[in-house]
């Protein structure tokens, strides 16, 4: 089945494209896009090493870009698509920006919000997981396997 233009799979594929940019730059390959009215309004990937900033996660950068694009600090009509389960910091940023929804691909059993802070998202935020999970997870797994070699 080919995902529709405005499907969760299509938006996650765009987040995966961002993750591959991170990979090319030697960053942990995590990508994110913010969608509002079925249009991508922000794209980002991890830039922790590039910016020498531990907060430069894909989600934080995408949220900031979306807020700048819309001229608001609240993203109540927007959804964040991210390739890996957000950490507590990113879930907290999602909380404060009041995202309508967060969709992530692969789970992060060690550092993901669900293991460390399961109530980190805003109560009104609809959280979905598992969209293209295998593809998203393999990208990160392969990165860390190569890093250890």
N, C-alpha and C. Protein backbone atom coordinates (compact mmCIF):
# COMPACT_ATOMS: atom_id res chain seq x y z
N UNK A 1 0.83 -1.18 0.00
CA UNK A 1 0.00 0.00 0.00
C UNK A 1 0.88 1.25 0.00
N UNK A 2 0.62 2.17 -0.89
CA UNK A 2 1.34 3.43 -0.95
C UNK A 2 0.64 4.42 -0.04
N UNK A 3 1.40 5.01 0.90
CA UNK A 3 0.74 5.95 1.81
C UNK A 3 0.23 7.18 1.07
N UNK A 4 -0.93 7.68 1.50
CA UNK A 4 -1.50 8.88 0.91
C UNK A 4 -0.64 10.09 1.23
N UNK A 5 -0.86 11.14 0.50
CA UNK A 5 -0.08 12.37 0.64
C UNK A 5 -0.13 12.93 2.05
N UNK A 6 -1.26 12.78 2.72
CA UNK A 6 -1.43 13.36 4.06
C UNK A 6 -1.56 12.28 5.13
N UNK A 7 -1.01 11.13 4.89
CA UNK A 7 -1.10 10.04 5.86
C UNK A 7 0.03 10.15 6.89
N UNK A 8 -0.16 9.49 8.02
CA UNK A 8 0.88 9.45 9.03
C UNK A 8 2.17 8.86 8.47
N UNK A 9 2.04 7.86 7.61
CA UNK A 9 3.21 7.24 7.01
C UNK A 9 3.97 8.21 6.12
N UNK A 10 3.24 9.01 5.35
CA UNK A 10 3.89 9.98 4.46
C UNK A 10 4.64 11.03 5.28
N UNK A 11 4.05 11.50 6.35
CA UNK A 11 4.73 12.49 7.19
C UNK A 11 5.93 11.87 7.91
N UNK A 12 5.79 10.61 8.33
CA UNK A 12 6.91 9.94 8.99
C UNK A 12 8.06 9.73 8.00
N UNK A 13 7.74 9.48 6.75
CA UNK A 13 8.80 9.35 5.73
C UNK A 13 9.58 10.66 5.60
N UNK A 14 8.88 11.78 5.75
CA UNK A 14 9.57 13.07 5.72
C UNK A 14 10.48 13.23 6.95
N UNK A 15 10.01 12.75 8.10
CA UNK A 15 10.85 12.78 9.30
C UNK A 15 12.06 11.87 9.11
N UNK A 16 11.87 10.73 8.46
CA UNK A 16 12.99 9.83 8.18
C UNK A 16 14.02 10.49 7.26
N UNK A 17 13.56 11.27 6.31
CA UNK A 17 14.48 12.01 5.44
C UNK A 17 15.34 12.93 6.30
N UNK A 18 14.73 13.60 7.27
CA UNK A 18 15.48 14.47 8.17
C UNK A 18 16.49 13.65 8.98
N UNK A 19 16.09 12.49 9.45
CA UNK A 19 16.98 11.63 10.23
C UNK A 19 18.20 11.23 9.40
N UNK A 20 18.00 11.02 8.12
CA UNK A 20 19.13 10.66 7.26
C UNK A 20 20.09 11.82 7.07
N UNK A 21 19.59 13.05 7.13
CA UNK A 21 20.48 14.22 7.11
C UNK A 21 21.36 14.22 8.36
N UNK A 22 20.76 13.89 9.49
CA UNK A 22 21.52 13.81 10.74
C UNK A 22 22.61 12.75 10.62
N UNK A 23 22.24 11.60 10.07
CA UNK A 23 23.19 10.51 9.89
C UNK A 23 24.38 10.95 9.04
N UNK A 24 24.10 11.66 7.96
CA UNK A 24 25.17 12.15 7.07
C UNK A 24 26.14 13.09 7.80
N UNK A 25 25.65 13.75 8.83
CA UNK A 25 26.48 14.69 9.59
C UNK A 25 27.08 14.08 10.85
N UNK A 26 26.89 12.76 11.02
CA UNK A 26 27.45 12.07 12.17
C UNK A 26 26.65 12.25 13.45
N UNK A 27 25.43 12.71 13.32
CA UNK A 27 24.54 12.90 14.48
C UNK A 27 23.71 11.63 14.68
N UNK A 28 23.18 11.47 15.88
CA UNK A 28 22.22 10.39 16.10
C UNK A 28 21.06 10.64 15.13
N UNK A 29 20.74 9.65 14.29
CA UNK A 29 19.76 9.87 13.22
C UNK A 29 18.31 9.92 13.67
N UNK A 30 17.92 11.08 14.14
CA UNK A 30 16.54 11.31 14.54
C UNK A 30 16.06 12.54 13.78
N UNK A 31 14.88 12.42 13.18
CA UNK A 31 14.31 13.52 12.43
C UNK A 31 12.89 13.79 12.87
N UNK A 32 12.45 15.03 12.58
CA UNK A 32 11.11 15.43 13.00
C UNK A 32 10.52 16.42 12.00
N UNK A 33 9.21 16.39 11.89
CA UNK A 33 8.48 17.40 11.13
C UNK A 33 7.25 17.80 11.94
N UNK A 34 6.86 19.06 11.78
CA UNK A 34 5.63 19.54 12.41
C UNK A 34 4.63 19.80 11.30
N UNK A 35 3.42 19.29 11.48
CA UNK A 35 2.37 19.37 10.48
C UNK A 35 1.20 20.18 11.03
N UNK A 36 0.73 21.12 10.23
CA UNK A 36 -0.44 21.92 10.58
C UNK A 36 -1.32 22.01 9.34
N UNK A 37 -2.59 21.71 9.48
CA UNK A 37 -3.51 21.71 8.33
C UNK A 37 -2.99 20.85 7.17
N UNK A 38 -2.44 19.69 7.51
CA UNK A 38 -1.90 18.74 6.53
C UNK A 38 -0.75 19.30 5.70
N UNK A 39 -0.05 20.29 6.24
CA UNK A 39 1.14 20.85 5.57
C UNK A 39 2.29 20.82 6.55
N UNK A 40 3.45 20.44 6.04
CA UNK A 40 4.64 20.48 6.88
C UNK A 40 5.09 21.93 7.00
N UNK A 41 5.14 22.41 8.25
CA UNK A 41 5.54 23.80 8.49
C UNK A 41 6.93 23.90 9.11
N UNK A 42 7.49 22.77 9.54
CA UNK A 42 8.83 22.77 10.13
C UNK A 42 9.46 21.39 9.94
N UNK A 43 10.76 21.41 9.71
CA UNK A 43 11.55 20.19 9.56
C UNK A 43 12.82 20.36 10.37
N UNK A 44 13.27 19.28 10.99
CA UNK A 44 14.52 19.37 11.77
C UNK A 44 15.10 17.98 11.98
N UNK A 45 16.37 17.98 12.33
CA UNK A 45 17.05 16.74 12.69
C UNK A 45 18.00 17.05 13.83
N UNK A 46 18.45 16.00 14.52
CA UNK A 46 19.38 16.19 15.63
C UNK A 46 20.60 16.98 15.19
N UNK A 47 20.98 17.96 15.99
CA UNK A 47 22.18 18.75 15.71
C UNK A 47 22.99 19.00 16.99
N UNK A 48 22.96 18.04 17.87
CA UNK A 48 23.64 18.15 19.16
C UNK A 48 25.14 18.37 18.97
N UNK A 49 25.77 17.58 18.12
CA UNK A 49 27.21 17.69 17.89
C UNK A 49 27.54 18.95 17.11
N UNK A 50 26.80 19.20 16.08
CA UNK A 50 27.04 20.36 15.21
C UNK A 50 26.95 21.67 15.98
N UNK A 51 25.95 21.80 16.84
CA UNK A 51 25.73 23.03 17.58
C UNK A 51 26.37 23.02 18.97
N UNK A 52 26.97 21.85 19.33
CA UNK A 52 27.56 21.68 20.65
C UNK A 52 26.53 22.07 21.73
N UNK A 53 25.33 21.49 21.59
CA UNK A 53 24.20 21.86 22.43
C UNK A 53 23.38 20.61 22.72
N UNK A 54 23.36 20.19 23.98
CA UNK A 54 22.64 18.97 24.34
C UNK A 54 21.14 19.10 24.15
N UNK A 55 20.62 20.31 24.01
CA UNK A 55 19.18 20.49 23.80
C UNK A 55 18.80 20.53 22.32
N UNK A 56 19.75 20.40 21.42
CA UNK A 56 19.47 20.52 19.99
C UNK A 56 18.92 19.22 19.40
N UNK A 57 17.91 18.67 20.06
CA UNK A 57 17.23 17.48 19.56
C UNK A 57 16.30 17.88 18.42
N UNK A 58 16.01 16.93 17.56
CA UNK A 58 15.15 17.18 16.40
C UNK A 58 13.81 17.78 16.82
N UNK A 59 13.22 17.24 17.88
CA UNK A 59 11.90 17.71 18.30
C UNK A 59 11.94 19.17 18.75
N UNK A 60 12.94 19.53 19.55
CA UNK A 60 13.07 20.90 20.05
C UNK A 60 13.24 21.87 18.89
N UNK A 61 14.13 21.51 17.96
CA UNK A 61 14.38 22.38 16.81
C UNK A 61 13.14 22.52 15.93
N UNK A 62 12.40 21.43 15.76
CA UNK A 62 11.18 21.47 14.94
C UNK A 62 10.10 22.30 15.62
N UNK A 63 9.94 22.13 16.92
CA UNK A 63 8.94 22.91 17.66
C UNK A 63 9.26 24.40 17.56
N UNK A 64 10.52 24.75 17.78
CA UNK A 64 10.93 26.15 17.70
C UNK A 64 10.67 26.72 16.31
N UNK A 65 11.03 25.97 15.28
CA UNK A 65 10.81 26.42 13.90
C UNK A 65 9.32 26.61 13.61
N UNK A 66 8.49 25.69 14.10
CA UNK A 66 7.04 25.79 13.88
C UNK A 66 6.46 27.00 14.61
N UNK A 67 6.91 27.22 15.83
CA UNK A 67 6.43 28.39 16.57
C UNK A 67 6.83 29.69 15.87
N UNK A 68 8.06 29.73 15.36
CA UNK A 68 8.50 30.91 14.61
C UNK A 68 7.69 31.09 13.33
N UNK A 69 7.42 30.00 12.65
CA UNK A 69 6.64 30.05 11.40
C UNK A 69 5.24 30.61 11.66
N UNK A 70 4.61 30.12 12.72
CA UNK A 70 3.24 30.54 13.03
C UNK A 70 3.17 31.83 13.86
N UNK A 71 4.28 32.23 14.43
CA UNK A 71 4.29 33.43 15.25
C UNK A 71 3.56 33.25 16.56
N UNK A 72 3.64 32.06 17.13
CA UNK A 72 2.95 31.76 18.39
C UNK A 72 3.78 30.76 19.18
N UNK A 73 3.52 30.71 20.48
CA UNK A 73 4.21 29.72 21.30
C UNK A 73 3.40 28.45 21.49
N UNK A 74 2.16 28.47 21.06
CA UNK A 74 1.31 27.29 21.19
C UNK A 74 1.04 26.65 19.84
N UNK A 75 1.12 25.33 19.82
CA UNK A 75 0.92 24.57 18.57
C UNK A 75 -0.30 23.66 18.71
N UNK A 76 -1.38 24.20 19.17
CA UNK A 76 -2.57 23.41 19.48
C UNK A 76 -3.23 22.78 18.26
N UNK A 77 -2.92 23.26 17.09
CA UNK A 77 -3.48 22.71 15.85
C UNK A 77 -2.45 21.90 15.07
N UNK A 78 -1.35 21.56 15.71
CA UNK A 78 -0.23 20.91 15.01
C UNK A 78 0.09 19.53 15.59
N UNK A 79 0.69 18.72 14.72
CA UNK A 79 1.17 17.40 15.14
C UNK A 79 2.66 17.31 14.83
N UNK A 80 3.38 16.69 15.75
CA UNK A 80 4.80 16.45 15.60
C UNK A 80 5.01 14.99 15.21
N UNK A 81 5.75 14.78 14.15
CA UNK A 81 6.14 13.43 13.72
C UNK A 81 7.63 13.30 13.97
N UNK A 82 8.03 12.28 14.72
CA UNK A 82 9.44 12.10 15.06
C UNK A 82 9.77 10.62 14.96
N UNK A 83 10.98 10.32 14.50
CA UNK A 83 11.35 8.95 14.19
C UNK A 83 11.60 8.08 15.42
N UNK A 84 11.96 8.70 16.54
CA UNK A 84 12.22 7.95 17.77
C UNK A 84 11.41 8.54 18.91
N UNK A 85 10.98 7.70 19.81
CA UNK A 85 10.21 8.15 20.98
C UNK A 85 10.92 9.32 21.66
N UNK A 86 10.21 10.39 21.92
CA UNK A 86 10.82 11.56 22.55
C UNK A 86 11.35 11.25 23.94
N UNK A 87 12.46 11.91 24.28
CA UNK A 87 12.98 11.85 25.64
C UNK A 87 12.12 12.73 26.54
N UNK A 88 12.41 12.74 27.80
CA UNK A 88 11.64 13.54 28.75
C UNK A 88 11.71 15.03 28.41
N UNK A 89 12.90 15.51 28.03
CA UNK A 89 13.05 16.92 27.68
C UNK A 89 12.15 17.29 26.50
N UNK A 90 12.15 16.47 25.48
CA UNK A 90 11.35 16.76 24.29
C UNK A 90 9.85 16.60 24.56
N UNK A 91 9.50 15.63 25.38
CA UNK A 91 8.09 15.49 25.77
C UNK A 91 7.66 16.72 26.56
N UNK A 92 8.55 17.25 27.40
CA UNK A 92 8.25 18.46 28.15
C UNK A 92 8.06 19.66 27.23
N UNK A 93 8.91 19.78 26.22
CA UNK A 93 8.76 20.87 25.25
C UNK A 93 7.43 20.73 24.52
N UNK A 94 7.06 19.50 24.22
CA UNK A 94 5.76 19.25 23.58
C UNK A 94 4.63 19.66 24.51
N UNK A 95 4.80 19.36 25.78
CA UNK A 95 3.79 19.75 26.78
C UNK A 95 3.58 21.26 26.76
N UNK A 96 4.67 22.01 26.85
CA UNK A 96 4.56 23.46 26.95
C UNK A 96 4.08 24.10 25.66
N UNK A 97 4.34 23.48 24.53
CA UNK A 97 3.85 24.03 23.26
C UNK A 97 2.42 23.58 22.97
N UNK A 98 1.91 22.67 23.79
CA UNK A 98 0.53 22.19 23.69
C UNK A 98 0.20 21.60 22.32
N UNK A 99 1.10 20.79 21.81
CA UNK A 99 0.85 20.12 20.53
C UNK A 99 -0.44 19.31 20.58
N UNK A 100 -1.16 19.34 19.49
CA UNK A 100 -2.38 18.54 19.38
C UNK A 100 -2.04 17.05 19.39
N UNK A 101 -0.94 16.69 18.72
CA UNK A 101 -0.57 15.30 18.64
C UNK A 101 0.92 15.09 18.44
N UNK A 102 1.38 13.94 18.89
CA UNK A 102 2.76 13.51 18.67
C UNK A 102 2.69 12.09 18.13
N UNK A 103 3.36 11.88 17.01
CA UNK A 103 3.42 10.56 16.39
C UNK A 103 4.88 10.17 16.30
N UNK A 104 5.23 9.04 16.89
CA UNK A 104 6.63 8.62 16.78
C UNK A 104 6.72 7.21 16.21
N UNK A 105 7.90 6.95 15.65
CA UNK A 105 8.14 5.67 15.01
C UNK A 105 8.56 4.61 16.00
N UNK A 106 9.86 4.53 16.26
CA UNK A 106 10.42 3.50 17.13
C UNK A 106 10.36 3.91 18.59
N UNK A 107 10.21 2.92 19.45
CA UNK A 107 10.25 3.16 20.89
C UNK A 107 11.70 3.25 21.35
N UNK A 108 11.91 3.95 22.45
CA UNK A 108 13.23 4.06 23.07
C UNK A 108 13.07 3.59 24.51
N UNK A 109 13.29 2.31 24.71
CA UNK A 109 13.03 1.69 26.01
C UNK A 109 13.93 2.20 27.13
N UNK A 110 15.12 2.71 26.78
CA UNK A 110 16.05 3.17 27.80
C UNK A 110 15.89 4.65 28.14
N UNK A 111 15.68 5.49 27.12
CA UNK A 111 15.67 6.93 27.36
C UNK A 111 14.38 7.62 26.94
N UNK A 112 13.41 6.87 26.49
CA UNK A 112 12.14 7.45 26.07
C UNK A 112 11.31 7.94 27.24
N UNK A 113 10.42 8.86 26.95
CA UNK A 113 9.58 9.45 28.00
C UNK A 113 8.75 8.40 28.72
N UNK A 114 8.28 7.36 27.99
CA UNK A 114 7.36 6.40 28.61
C UNK A 114 8.03 5.61 29.73
N UNK A 115 9.34 5.43 29.65
CA UNK A 115 10.06 4.73 30.71
C UNK A 115 10.40 5.65 31.87
N UNK A 116 10.66 6.93 31.56
CA UNK A 116 11.16 7.85 32.58
C UNK A 116 10.12 8.81 33.13
N UNK A 117 9.20 9.24 32.29
CA UNK A 117 8.20 10.22 32.72
C UNK A 117 6.92 10.05 31.90
N UNK A 118 6.16 9.00 32.16
CA UNK A 118 5.01 8.67 31.31
C UNK A 118 3.91 9.73 31.25
N UNK A 119 3.93 10.70 32.15
CA UNK A 119 2.90 11.75 32.12
C UNK A 119 3.47 13.07 31.60
N UNK A 120 4.56 13.01 30.86
CA UNK A 120 5.25 14.23 30.42
C UNK A 120 4.49 15.02 29.36
N UNK A 121 3.64 14.37 28.59
CA UNK A 121 2.90 15.08 27.54
C UNK A 121 1.68 15.81 28.13
N UNK A 122 1.28 16.86 27.47
CA UNK A 122 0.08 17.59 27.84
C UNK A 122 -1.10 16.63 27.80
N UNK A 123 -2.03 16.72 28.74
CA UNK A 123 -3.16 15.78 28.78
C UNK A 123 -4.01 15.78 27.50
N UNK A 124 -4.01 16.89 26.76
CA UNK A 124 -4.81 16.96 25.53
C UNK A 124 -4.05 16.46 24.30
N UNK A 125 -2.78 16.18 24.47
CA UNK A 125 -1.97 15.71 23.33
C UNK A 125 -2.26 14.25 23.03
N UNK A 126 -2.62 13.98 21.80
CA UNK A 126 -2.85 12.61 21.35
C UNK A 126 -1.51 12.02 20.92
N UNK A 127 -1.07 10.97 21.60
CA UNK A 127 0.21 10.35 21.30
C UNK A 127 -0.01 9.01 20.62
N UNK A 128 0.63 8.85 19.47
CA UNK A 128 0.58 7.58 18.71
C UNK A 128 2.01 7.09 18.53
N UNK A 129 2.16 5.79 18.44
CA UNK A 129 3.50 5.26 18.21
C UNK A 129 3.44 4.09 17.25
N UNK A 130 4.60 3.73 16.74
CA UNK A 130 4.70 2.56 15.88
C UNK A 130 4.59 2.84 14.39
N UNK A 131 4.49 4.10 13.98
CA UNK A 131 4.39 4.41 12.55
C UNK A 131 5.77 4.25 11.92
N UNK A 132 5.89 3.32 11.01
CA UNK A 132 7.16 2.96 10.36
C UNK A 132 8.24 2.64 11.40
N UNK A 133 7.81 2.00 12.48
CA UNK A 133 8.69 1.72 13.63
C UNK A 133 9.93 0.93 13.24
N UNK A 134 9.79 -0.06 12.39
CA UNK A 134 10.93 -0.90 12.03
C UNK A 134 11.99 -0.08 11.30
N UNK A 135 11.56 0.68 10.32
CA UNK A 135 12.49 1.50 9.54
C UNK A 135 13.16 2.55 10.42
N UNK A 136 12.39 3.18 11.27
CA UNK A 136 12.92 4.20 12.18
C UNK A 136 13.92 3.59 13.16
N UNK A 137 13.56 2.47 13.72
CA UNK A 137 14.41 1.79 14.70
C UNK A 137 15.70 1.27 14.11
N UNK A 138 15.64 0.73 12.91
CA UNK A 138 16.84 0.20 12.26
C UNK A 138 17.87 1.29 12.00
N UNK A 139 17.42 2.47 11.65
CA UNK A 139 18.33 3.58 11.38
C UNK A 139 19.16 3.90 12.63
N UNK A 140 18.51 3.99 13.77
CA UNK A 140 19.21 4.30 15.03
C UNK A 140 20.08 3.11 15.46
N UNK A 141 19.53 1.91 15.36
CA UNK A 141 20.26 0.71 15.76
C UNK A 141 21.54 0.56 14.93
N UNK A 142 21.44 0.74 13.62
CA UNK A 142 22.61 0.64 12.75
C UNK A 142 23.65 1.71 13.08
N UNK A 143 23.19 2.91 13.40
CA UNK A 143 24.10 3.99 13.75
C UNK A 143 24.94 3.61 14.96
N UNK A 144 24.29 3.12 16.02
CA UNK A 144 25.02 2.79 17.24
C UNK A 144 25.87 1.53 17.06
N UNK A 145 25.45 0.60 16.22
CA UNK A 145 26.27 -0.58 15.93
C UNK A 145 27.56 -0.15 15.26
N UNK A 146 27.46 0.74 14.26
CA UNK A 146 28.66 1.23 13.56
C UNK A 146 29.55 2.06 14.49
N UNK A 147 28.95 2.79 15.39
CA UNK A 147 29.70 3.63 16.31
C UNK A 147 30.56 2.78 17.25
N UNK A 148 30.04 1.63 17.64
CA UNK A 148 30.77 0.73 18.55
C UNK A 148 31.87 -0.05 17.86
N UNK A 149 31.82 -0.16 16.55
CA UNK A 149 32.82 -0.96 15.82
C UNK A 149 34.14 -0.27 15.67
